[in-house]
Amino acid sequence: MNQLYFYFDYSSPFAYLGATQIAAAAARHDAELHLRPFLLGGLFRAIGTPMVPMQVMTPPKQRHASQDMFRWARHYGVPFAFPSRFPMNSVTPLRMTLQLEGEAQARFMERVFAGYWAEDRDIASPEVLTALAAELGLDGAALLAGCQDPAVKTKLHEATAEAEAQGVCGAPSYRVETDDGERYLFWGQDRLDLVERVLDGWRPPAG
């Protein structure tokens, strides 16, 4: 079976857009989906990227990037509203996500993304995160407490280091391991069509 790895951080609008499509894409191609939350700021520090890339773009490029977000949201048919709090500290929701597995992890990821990028919720707030978890029937208080566990903190560090080791340079990124032994990495939610082509059997050149 093909393996599809989705690298994301809640702080990225394009990761939100990618997250709205990733499960359906995996299902269409019978691929096993693996969620890979990681700390985007930590990766940026490691590879020498500005902490908030949008803020160092030229004004024309900023305008285009902003329009692009809304265009893709309309293309996908999903809600989008640029939040009043940006950039956002995503450490706590990422640590909460890493304590979950399977369907619970996927549902929490989707809820946090929507909370921030569609509803302008403060996902750095313990109260907001507890409420979002409760909507899903999860024990938000226990997940919040778990964020202080050294093992959970280490898990986020390791997840970020893994992303760097795999060649990830931003969020979202998709890593495909095909059932015939090929491996491909794609960066950007707008590369999902290429991901699906690989899952369908297309083998692009390596270089």
C-alpha atoms as a PDB file:
ATOM      1  CA  MET A   1       0.000   0.000   0.000  1.00  0.00           C
ATOM      2  CA  ASN A   2       1.195   3.525  -0.777  1.00  0.00           C
ATOM      3  CA  GLN A   3       2.082   5.622   2.274  1.00  0.00           C
ATOM      4  CA  LEU A   4       1.209   9.326   2.440  1.00  0.00           C
ATOM      5  CA  TYR A   5       2.752  11.566   5.121  1.00  0.00           C
ATOM      6  CA  PHE A   6       1.240  14.996   5.765  1.00  0.00           C
ATOM      7  CA  TYR A   7       3.547  17.482   7.503  1.00  0.00           C
ATOM      8  CA  PHE A   8       1.725  20.454   8.996  1.00  0.00           C
ATOM      9  CA  ASP A   9       1.673  23.230  11.572  1.00  0.00           C
ATOM     10  CA  TYR A  10      -1.489  25.084  12.555  1.00  0.00           C
ATOM     11  CA  SER A  11       0.258  28.414  12.005  1.00  0.00           C
ATOM     12  CA  SER A  12       0.187  28.013   8.204  1.00  0.00           C
ATOM     13  CA  PRO A  13      -2.882  29.044   6.172  1.00  0.00           C
ATOM     14  CA  PHE A  14      -1.794  26.813   3.335  1.00  0.00           C
ATOM     15  CA  ALA A  15      -1.461  23.872   5.717  1.00  0.00           C
ATOM     16  CA  TYR A  16      -5.093  24.492   6.700  1.00  0.00           C
ATOM     17  CA  LEU A  17      -6.121  24.400   3.053  1.00  0.00           C
ATOM     18  CA  GLY A  18      -4.138  21.211   2.510  1.00  0.00           C
ATOM     19  CA  ALA A  19      -5.636  19.641   5.619  1.00  0.00           C
ATOM     20  CA  THR A  20      -9.158  20.102   4.261  1.00  0.00           C
ATOM     21  CA  GLN A  21      -8.280  17.860   1.288  1.00  0.00           C
ATOM     22  CA  ILE A  22      -5.715  15.350   2.500  1.00  0.00           C
ATOM     23  CA  ALA A  23      -7.984  12.629   3.874  1.00  0.00           C
ATOM     24  CA  ALA A  24     -10.112  12.528   0.736  1.00  0.00           C
ATOM     25  CA  ALA A  25      -7.010  12.417  -1.461  1.00  0.00           C
ATOM     26  CA  ALA A  26      -5.613   9.459   0.475  1.00  0.00           C
ATOM     27  CA  ALA A  27      -8.960   7.660   0.340  1.00  0.00           C
ATOM     28  CA  ARG A  28      -9.300   8.157  -3.415  1.00  0.00           C
ATOM     29  CA  HIS A  29      -6.055   6.284  -3.956  1.00  0.00           C
ATOM     30  CA  ASP A  30      -6.287   3.757  -1.120  1.00  0.00           C
ATOM     31  CA  ALA A  31      -3.169   5.234   0.496  1.00  0.00           C
ATOM     32  CA  GLU A  32      -2.391   4.953   4.195  1.00  0.00           C
ATOM     33  CA  LEU A  33      -2.339   8.448   5.676  1.00  0.00           C
ATOM     34  CA  HIS A  34       0.113   9.472   8.410  1.00  0.00           C
ATOM     35  CA  LEU A  35      -0.283  12.860  10.093  1.00  0.00           C
ATOM     36  CA  ARG A  36       2.996  14.560  10.964  1.00  0.00           C
ATOM     37  CA  PRO A  37       2.523  17.683  13.114  1.00  0.00           C
ATOM     38  CA  PHE A  38       5.752  19.632  13.623  1.00  0.00           C
ATOM     39  CA  LEU A  39       6.863  23.073  14.794  1.00  0.00           C
ATOM     40  CA  LEU A  40       7.293  25.229  11.708  1.00  0.00           C
ATOM     41  CA  GLY A  41       9.211  27.935  13.583  1.00  0.00           C
ATOM     42  CA  GLY A  42      11.690  25.364  14.836  1.00  0.00           C
ATOM     43  CA  LEU A  43      12.229  24.100  11.302  1.00  0.00           C
ATOM     44  CA  PHE A  44      12.663  27.637   9.999  1.00  0.00           C
ATOM     45  CA  ARG A  45      15.317  28.321  12.625  1.00  0.00           C
ATOM     46  CA  ALA A  46      17.144  25.143  11.681  1.00  0.00           C
ATOM     47  CA  ILE A  47      17.213  25.791   7.934  1.00  0.00           C
ATOM     48  CA  GLY A  48      17.640  29.578   7.982  1.00  0.00           C
ATOM     49  CA  THR A  49      14.200  30.692   6.810  1.00  0.00           C
ATOM     50  CA  PRO A  50      12.563  33.920   8.100  1.00  0.00           C
ATOM     51  CA  MET A  51      10.177  33.115  10.950  1.00  0.00           C
ATOM     52  CA  VAL A  52       7.159  34.627   9.165  1.00  0.00           C
ATOM     53  CA  PRO A  53       7.946  34.417   5.435  1.00  0.00           C
ATOM     54  CA  MET A  54       4.889  36.448   4.421  1.00  0.00           C
ATOM     55  CA  GLN A  55       6.152  39.432   6.375  1.00  0.00           C
ATOM     56  CA  VAL A  56       9.371  39.648   4.350  1.00  0.00           C
ATOM     57  CA  MET A  57       7.668  39.399   0.954  1.00  0.00           C
ATOM     58  CA  THR A  58       7.441  42.469  -1.234  1.00  0.00           C
ATOM     59  CA  PRO A  59       4.028  44.203  -1.091  1.00  0.00           C
ATOM     60  CA  PRO A  60       2.928  42.870  -4.516  1.00  0.00           C
ATOM     61  CA  LYS A  61       3.840  39.333  -3.511  1.00  0.00           C
ATOM     62  CA  GLN A  62       2.018  39.727  -0.181  1.00  0.00           C
ATOM     63  CA  ARG A  63      -1.118  40.809  -2.034  1.00  0.00           C
ATOM     64  CA  HIS A  64      -0.873  37.855  -4.391  1.00  0.00           C
ATOM     65  CA  ALA A  65      -0.322  35.379  -1.532  1.00  0.00           C
ATOM     66  CA  SER A  66      -3.330  36.772   0.301  1.00  0.00           C
ATOM     67  CA  GLN A  67      -5.544  36.519  -2.780  1.00  0.00           C
ATOM     68  CA  ASP A  68      -4.277  33.008  -3.383  1.00  0.00           C
ATOM     69  CA  MET A  69      -5.504  31.815   0.025  1.00  0.00           C
ATOM     70  CA  PHE A  70      -9.040  33.016  -0.635  1.00  0.00           C
ATOM     71  CA  ARG A  71      -9.037  31.672  -4.180  1.00  0.00           C
ATOM     72  CA  TRP A  72      -7.986  28.208  -3.051  1.00  0.00           C
ATOM     73  CA  ALA A  73     -10.556  28.224  -0.254  1.00  0.00           C
ATOM     74  CA  ARG A  74     -13.279  29.021  -2.760  1.00  0.00           C
ATOM     75  CA  HIS A  75     -11.896  26.413  -5.158  1.00  0.00           C
ATOM     76  CA  TYR A  76     -12.106  23.762  -2.422  1.00  0.00           C
ATOM     77  CA  GLY A  77     -15.437  25.049  -1.110  1.00  0.00           C
ATOM     78  CA  VAL A  78     -14.157  25.541   2.431  1.00  0.00           C
ATOM     79  CA  PRO A  79     -14.497  28.535   4.785  1.00  0.00           C
ATOM     80  CA  PHE A  80     -11.534  30.840   5.230  1.00  0.00           C
ATOM     81  CA  ALA A  81     -11.013  34.066   7.165  1.00  0.00           C
ATOM     82  CA  PHE A  82      -7.558  35.420   7.849  1.00  0.00           C
ATOM     83  CA  PRO A  83      -7.310  35.509  11.670  1.00  0.00           C
ATOM     84  CA  SER A  84      -7.003  38.667  13.735  1.00  0.00           C
ATOM     85  CA  ARG A  85      -4.115  37.047  15.644  1.00  0.00           C
ATOM     86  CA  PHE A  86      -1.195  36.284  13.354  1.00  0.00           C
ATOM     87  CA  PRO A  87       1.357  34.844  13.682  1.00  0.00           C
ATOM     88  CA  MET A  88       0.074  32.320  16.196  1.00  0.00           C
ATOM     89  CA  ASN A  89       1.943  30.307  18.827  1.00  0.00           C
ATOM     90  CA  SER A  90       0.975  26.749  17.928  1.00  0.00           C
ATOM     91  CA  VAL A  91       3.124  24.798  20.396  1.00  0.00           C
ATOM     92  CA  THR A  92       0.269  23.786  22.703  1.00  0.00           C
ATOM     93  CA  PRO A  93      -2.161  22.513  20.048  1.00  0.00           C
ATOM     94  CA  LEU A  94       0.700  20.647  18.376  1.00  0.00           C
ATOM     95  CA  ARG A  95       1.593  18.938  21.657  1.00  0.00           C
ATOM     96  CA  MET A  96      -2.057  18.054  22.163  1.00  0.00           C
ATOM     97  CA  THR A  97      -2.237  16.593  18.662  1.00  0.00           C
ATOM     98  CA  LEU A  98       0.815  14.425  19.288  1.00  0.00           C
ATOM     99  CA  GLN A  99      -0.929  12.809  22.252  1.00  0.00           C
ATOM    100  CA  LEU A 100      -3.704  11.513  19.995  1.00  0.00           C
ATOM    101  CA  GLU A 101      -3.791   8.776  17.409  1.00  0.00           C
ATOM    102  CA  GLY A 102      -5.882   7.606  14.505  1.00  0.00           C
ATOM    103  CA  GLU A 103      -9.322   9.101  13.963  1.00  0.00           C
ATOM    104  CA  ALA A 104      -9.173  11.189  17.141  1.00  0.00           C
ATOM    105  CA  GLN A 105      -5.959  12.825  15.967  1.00  0.00           C
ATOM    106  CA  ALA A 106      -7.387  13.534  12.512  1.00  0.00           C
ATOM    107  CA  ARG A 107     -10.601  15.024  13.913  1.00  0.00           C
ATOM    108  CA  PHE A 108      -8.695  17.210  16.370  1.00  0.00           C
ATOM    109  CA  MET A 109      -6.368  18.428  13.624  1.00  0.00           C
ATOM    110  CA  GLU A 110      -9.323  19.402  11.452  1.00  0.00           C
ATOM    111  CA  ARG A 111     -11.130  21.120  14.344  1.00  0.00           C
ATOM    112  CA  VAL A 112      -8.123  23.191  15.420  1.00  0.00           C
ATOM    113  CA  PHE A 113      -7.377  24.241  11.859  1.00  0.00           C
ATOM    114  CA  ALA A 114     -10.984  25.312  11.313  1.00  0.00           C
ATOM    115  CA  GLY A 115     -11.065  27.051  14.677  1.00  0.00           C
ATOM    116  CA  TYR A 116      -8.132  29.245  13.729  1.00  0.00           C
ATOM    117  CA  TRP A 117      -8.433  29.733   9.967  1.00  0.00           C
ATOM    118  CA  ALA A 118     -12.225  29.814   9.611  1.00  0.00           C
ATOM    119  CA  GLU A 119     -13.533  31.009  12.997  1.00  0.00           C
ATOM    120  CA  ASP A 120     -10.756  33.298  14.286  1.00  0.00           C
ATOM    121  CA  ARG A 121     -10.407  31.340  17.533  1.00  0.00           C
ATOM    122  CA  ASP A 122      -7.317  31.864  19.701  1.00  0.00           C
ATOM    123  CA  ILE A 123      -5.712  28.419  19.537  1.00  0.00           C
ATOM    124  CA  ALA A 124      -2.989  29.457  21.969  1.00  0.00           C
ATOM    125  CA  SER A 125      -5.676  29.799  24.649  1.00  0.00           C
ATOM    126  CA  PRO A 126      -6.089  26.814  27.014  1.00  0.00           C
ATOM    127  CA  GLU A 127      -9.802  27.606  27.326  1.00  0.00           C
ATOM    128  CA  VAL A 128     -10.314  27.604  23.569  1.00  0.00           C
ATOM    129  CA  LEU A 129      -8.361  24.392  23.101  1.00  0.00           C
ATOM    130  CA  THR A 130     -10.274  22.680  25.896  1.00  0.00           C
ATOM    131  CA  ALA A 131     -13.547  23.727  24.293  1.00  0.00           C
ATOM    132  CA  LEU A 132     -12.495  22.505  20.850  1.00  0.00           C
ATOM    133  CA  ALA A 133     -11.467  19.144  22.296  1.00  0.00           C
ATOM    134  CA  ALA A 134     -14.733  18.869  24.216  1.00  0.00           C
ATOM    135  CA  GLU A 135     -16.712  19.366  21.001  1.00  0.00           C
ATOM    136  CA  LEU A 136     -15.128  16.128  19.802  1.00  0.00           C
ATOM    137  CA  GLY A 137     -15.732  14.253  23.048  1.00  0.00           C
ATOM    138  CA  LEU A 138     -12.054  14.444  24.008  1.00  0.00           C
ATOM    139  CA  ASP A 139     -10.661  15.211  27.447  1.00  0.00           C
ATOM    140  CA  GLY A 140      -9.176  18.619  26.778  1.00  0.00           C
ATOM    141  CA  ALA A 141      -8.007  19.119  30.351  1.00  0.00           C
ATOM    142  CA  ALA A 142      -6.013  15.896  30.247  1.00  0.00           C
ATOM    143  CA  LEU A 143      -4.501  16.804  26.877  1.00  0.00           C
ATOM    144  CA  LEU A 144      -3.514  20.227  28.182  1.00  0.00           C
ATOM    145  CA  ALA A 145      -1.908  18.707  31.248  1.00  0.00           C
ATOM    146  CA  GLY A 146      -0.045  16.286  29.007  1.00  0.00           C
ATOM    147  CA  CYS A 147       1.554  19.217  27.189  1.00  0.00           C
ATOM    148  CA  GLN A 148       3.802  19.704  30.227  1.00  0.00           C
ATOM    149  CA  ASP A 149       5.013  16.107  30.130  1.00  0.00           C
ATOM    150  CA  PRO A 150       8.706  16.084  29.150  1.00  0.00           C
ATOM    151  CA  ALA A 151       8.042  13.099  26.905  1.00  0.00           C
ATOM    152  CA  VAL A 152       5.430  15.051  24.949  1.00  0.00           C
ATOM    153  CA  LYS A 153       7.753  18.047  24.644  1.00  0.00           C
ATOM    154  CA  THR A 154      10.474  15.743  23.357  1.00  0.00           C
ATOM    155  CA  LYS A 155       8.050  14.210  20.891  1.00  0.00           C
ATOM    156  CA  LEU A 156       7.449  17.608  19.273  1.00  0.00           C
ATOM    157  CA  HIS A 157      11.199  18.262  19.082  1.00  0.00           C
ATOM    158  CA  GLU A 158      11.693  14.863  17.469  1.00  0.00           C
ATOM    159  CA  ALA A 159       8.835  15.428  15.029  1.00  0.00           C
ATOM    160  CA  THR A 160      10.403  18.711  13.936  1.00  0.00           C
ATOM    161  CA  ALA A 161      13.818  17.091  13.576  1.00  0.00           C
ATOM    162  CA  GLU A 162      12.255  14.317  11.491  1.00  0.00           C
ATOM    163  CA  ALA A 163      10.669  16.882   9.184  1.00  0.00           C
ATOM    164  CA  GLU A 164      14.038  18.535   8.676  1.00  0.00           C
ATOM    165  CA  ALA A 165      15.738  15.186   8.072  1.00  0.00           C
ATOM    166  CA  GLN A 166      13.157  14.330   5.410  1.00  0.00           C
ATOM    167  CA  GLY A 167      13.922  17.554   3.553  1.00  0.00           C
ATOM    168  CA  VAL A 168      10.768  19.442   4.538  1.00  0.00           C
ATOM    169  CA  CYS A 169      11.166  23.207   4.027  1.00  0.00           C
ATOM    170  CA  GLY A 170       7.666  24.445   4.842  1.00  0.00           C
ATOM    171  CA  ALA A 171       4.077  23.533   5.594  1.00  0.00           C
ATOM    172  CA  PRO A 172       2.263  21.756   4.285  1.00  0.00           C
ATOM    173  CA  SER A 173       4.548  19.149   2.828  1.00  0.00           C
ATOM    174  CA  TYR A 174       3.626  15.724   1.510  1.00  0.00           C
ATOM    175  CA  ARG A 175       5.895  12.696   1.471  1.00  0.00           C
ATOM    176  CA  VAL A 176       4.841   9.736  -0.640  1.00  0.00           C
ATOM    177  CA  GLU A 177       6.335   6.267  -0.277  1.00  0.00           C
ATOM    178  CA  THR A 178       4.988   4.158  -3.112  1.00  0.00           C
ATOM    179  CA  ASP A 179       4.350   0.443  -2.987  1.00  0.00           C
ATOM    180  CA  ASP A 180       7.075  -0.042  -5.624  1.00  0.00           C
ATOM    181  CA  GLY A 181       9.741   1.542  -3.430  1.00  0.00           C
ATOM    182  CA  GLU A 182       9.850   5.116  -4.760  1.00  0.00           C
ATOM    183  CA  ARG A 183       9.880   8.174  -2.473  1.00  0.00           C
ATOM    184  CA  TYR A 184       8.819  11.732  -3.286  1.00  0.00           C
ATOM    185  CA  LEU A 185       8.505  14.942  -1.291  1.00  0.00           C
ATOM    186  CA  PHE A 186       6.238  17.821  -2.331  1.00  0.00           C
ATOM    187  CA  TRP A 187       5.945  21.239  -0.685  1.00  0.00           C
ATOM    188  CA  GLY A 188       2.785  23.350  -0.795  1.00  0.00           C
ATOM    189  CA  GLN A 189      -0.913  22.564  -0.715  1.00  0.00           C
ATOM    190  CA  ASP A 190      -1.108  23.363  -4.425  1.00  0.00           C
ATOM    191  CA  ARG A 191       1.066  20.314  -5.143  1.00  0.00           C
ATOM    192  CA  LEU A 192      -1.667  17.906  -4.110  1.00  0.00           C
ATOM    193  CA  ASP A 193      -2.514  17.150  -7.733  1.00  0.00           C
ATOM    194  CA  LEU A 194       1.068  15.918  -8.224  1.00  0.00           C
ATOM    195  CA  VAL A 195       0.797  13.834  -5.047  1.00  0.00           C
ATOM    196  CA  GLU A 196      -2.335  12.181  -6.393  1.00  0.00           C
ATOM    197  CA  ARG A 197      -0.698  11.511  -9.749  1.00  0.00           C
ATOM    198  CA  VAL A 198       2.162   9.711  -7.972  1.00  0.00           C
ATOM    199  CA  LEU A 199      -0.345   7.689  -5.964  1.00  0.00           C
ATOM    200  CA  ASP A 200      -1.953   6.822  -9.322  1.00  0.00           C
ATOM    201  CA  GLY A 201       1.318   5.462 -10.697  1.00  0.00           C
ATOM    202  CA  TRP A 202       3.022   8.481 -12.250  1.00  0.00           C
ATOM    203  CA  ARG A 203       6.776   8.542 -11.630  1.00  0.00           C
ATOM    204  CA  PRO A 204       8.247  12.036 -12.151  1.00  0.00           C
ATOM    205  CA  PRO A 205      11.974  12.557 -12.743  1.00  0.00           C
ATOM    206  CA  ALA A 206      14.060  12.712  -9.589  1.00  0.00           C
ATOM    207  CA  GLY A 207      16.016  15.839 -10.528  1.00  0.00           C
END
